[in-house]
């Protein structure tokens, strides 16, 4: 099984902590909405973003 991070957009405040801490660049900030999104780049499952998010806007999901 493989896992990645999903952004719960309603909870994201666009602080960019997740995108700055992500070692692979999986999480990016949308310039228009100012919200984080999963760019589709390989996630190495470090989960630093998950623990750093102040609003708990990230969740682990299985890649199918």
C-alpha atoms as a PDB file:
ATOM      1  CA  UNK A   1       0.000   0.000   0.000  1.00  0.00           C
ATOM      2  CA  UNK A   2       1.045   3.545  -0.670  1.00  0.00           C
ATOM      3  CA  UNK A   3      -0.086   6.693   1.110  1.00  0.00           C
ATOM      4  CA  UNK A   4      -0.119  10.420   0.478  1.00  0.00           C
ATOM      5  CA  UNK A   5      -1.507  13.583   2.039  1.00  0.00           C
ATOM      6  CA  UNK A   6      -4.894  15.093   1.254  1.00  0.00           C
ATOM      7  CA  UNK A   7      -5.676  18.745   1.994  1.00  0.00           C
ATOM      8  CA  UNK A   8      -9.011  19.506   3.650  1.00  0.00           C
ATOM      9  CA  UNK A   9      -9.500  22.817   1.875  1.00  0.00           C
ATOM     10  CA  UNK A  10     -12.113  24.155   4.294  1.00  0.00           C
ATOM     11  CA  UNK A  11      -9.589  23.941   7.146  1.00  0.00           C
ATOM     12  CA  UNK A  12      -6.570  25.293   5.254  1.00  0.00           C
ATOM     13  CA  UNK A  13      -5.652  28.902   6.071  1.00  0.00           C
ATOM     14  CA  UNK A  14      -2.799  29.119   3.556  1.00  0.00           C
ATOM     15  CA  UNK A  15      -0.008  29.569   6.097  1.00  0.00           C
ATOM     16  CA  UNK A  16       2.340  27.500   3.837  1.00  0.00           C
ATOM     17  CA  UNK A  17       4.008  25.680   6.729  1.00  0.00           C
ATOM     18  CA  UNK A  18       3.193  22.347   5.079  1.00  0.00           C
ATOM     19  CA  UNK A  19       4.710  23.287   1.737  1.00  0.00           C
ATOM     20  CA  UNK A  20       7.859  24.647   3.371  1.00  0.00           C
ATOM     21  CA  UNK A  21       8.409  21.548   5.510  1.00  0.00           C
ATOM     22  CA  UNK A  22       7.677  18.990   2.755  1.00  0.00           C
ATOM     23  CA  UNK A  23      10.992  17.479   1.559  1.00  0.00           C
ATOM     24  CA  UNK A  24       9.594  16.299  -1.794  1.00  0.00           C
ATOM     25  CA  UNK A  25       7.463  19.276  -2.817  1.00  0.00           C
ATOM     26  CA  UNK A  26       4.243  17.287  -2.697  1.00  0.00           C
ATOM     27  CA  UNK A  27       2.366  20.160  -1.084  1.00  0.00           C
ATOM     28  CA  UNK A  28       2.163  23.499  -2.872  1.00  0.00           C
ATOM     29  CA  UNK A  29       0.189  26.701  -2.299  1.00  0.00           C
ATOM     30  CA  UNK A  30      -2.325  27.750  -4.949  1.00  0.00           C
ATOM     31  CA  UNK A  31      -1.543  31.374  -5.847  1.00  0.00           C
ATOM     32  CA  UNK A  32      -5.192  32.189  -6.520  1.00  0.00           C
ATOM     33  CA  UNK A  33      -6.935  30.519  -3.579  1.00  0.00           C
ATOM     34  CA  UNK A  34      -3.978  30.776  -1.152  1.00  0.00           C
ATOM     35  CA  UNK A  35      -4.757  27.197  -0.081  1.00  0.00           C
ATOM     36  CA  UNK A  36      -2.472  24.174  -0.014  1.00  0.00           C
ATOM     37  CA  UNK A  37      -2.939  21.374  -2.526  1.00  0.00           C
ATOM     38  CA  UNK A  38      -1.321  18.032  -3.320  1.00  0.00           C
ATOM     39  CA  UNK A  39       0.722  18.556  -6.483  1.00  0.00           C
ATOM     40  CA  UNK A  40       0.809  14.854  -7.294  1.00  0.00           C
ATOM     41  CA  UNK A  41       4.556  14.614  -6.735  1.00  0.00           C
ATOM     42  CA  UNK A  42       5.688  11.467  -4.918  1.00  0.00           C
ATOM     43  CA  UNK A  43       5.077  11.728  -1.154  1.00  0.00           C
ATOM     44  CA  UNK A  44       7.852  10.128   0.922  1.00  0.00           C
ATOM     45  CA  UNK A  45       5.525   9.746   3.921  1.00  0.00           C
ATOM     46  CA  UNK A  46       7.683  11.808   6.277  1.00  0.00           C
ATOM     47  CA  UNK A  47       4.435  13.297   7.686  1.00  0.00           C
ATOM     48  CA  UNK A  48       6.173  16.427   8.991  1.00  0.00           C
ATOM     49  CA  UNK A  49       3.486  18.465   7.255  1.00  0.00           C
ATOM     50  CA  UNK A  50       0.757  16.554   9.044  1.00  0.00           C
ATOM     51  CA  UNK A  51       2.156  17.357  12.478  1.00  0.00           C
ATOM     52  CA  UNK A  52       3.101  20.950  11.621  1.00  0.00           C
ATOM     53  CA  UNK A  53      -0.293  22.045  10.282  1.00  0.00           C
ATOM     54  CA  UNK A  54      -1.821  24.383  12.891  1.00  0.00           C
ATOM     55  CA  UNK A  55      -5.393  23.846  11.663  1.00  0.00           C
ATOM     56  CA  UNK A  56      -5.205  20.059  11.109  1.00  0.00           C
ATOM     57  CA  UNK A  57      -6.080  20.550   7.444  1.00  0.00           C
ATOM     58  CA  UNK A  58      -4.131  17.490   6.300  1.00  0.00           C
ATOM     59  CA  UNK A  59      -5.048  13.827   6.363  1.00  0.00           C
ATOM     60  CA  UNK A  60      -3.333  10.623   5.287  1.00  0.00           C
ATOM     61  CA  UNK A  61      -5.046   8.814   2.422  1.00  0.00           C
ATOM     62  CA  UNK A  62      -4.286   5.583   0.601  1.00  0.00           C
ATOM     63  CA  UNK A  63      -3.193   5.942  -3.017  1.00  0.00           C
ATOM     64  CA  UNK A  64      -5.191   3.627  -5.253  1.00  0.00           C
END
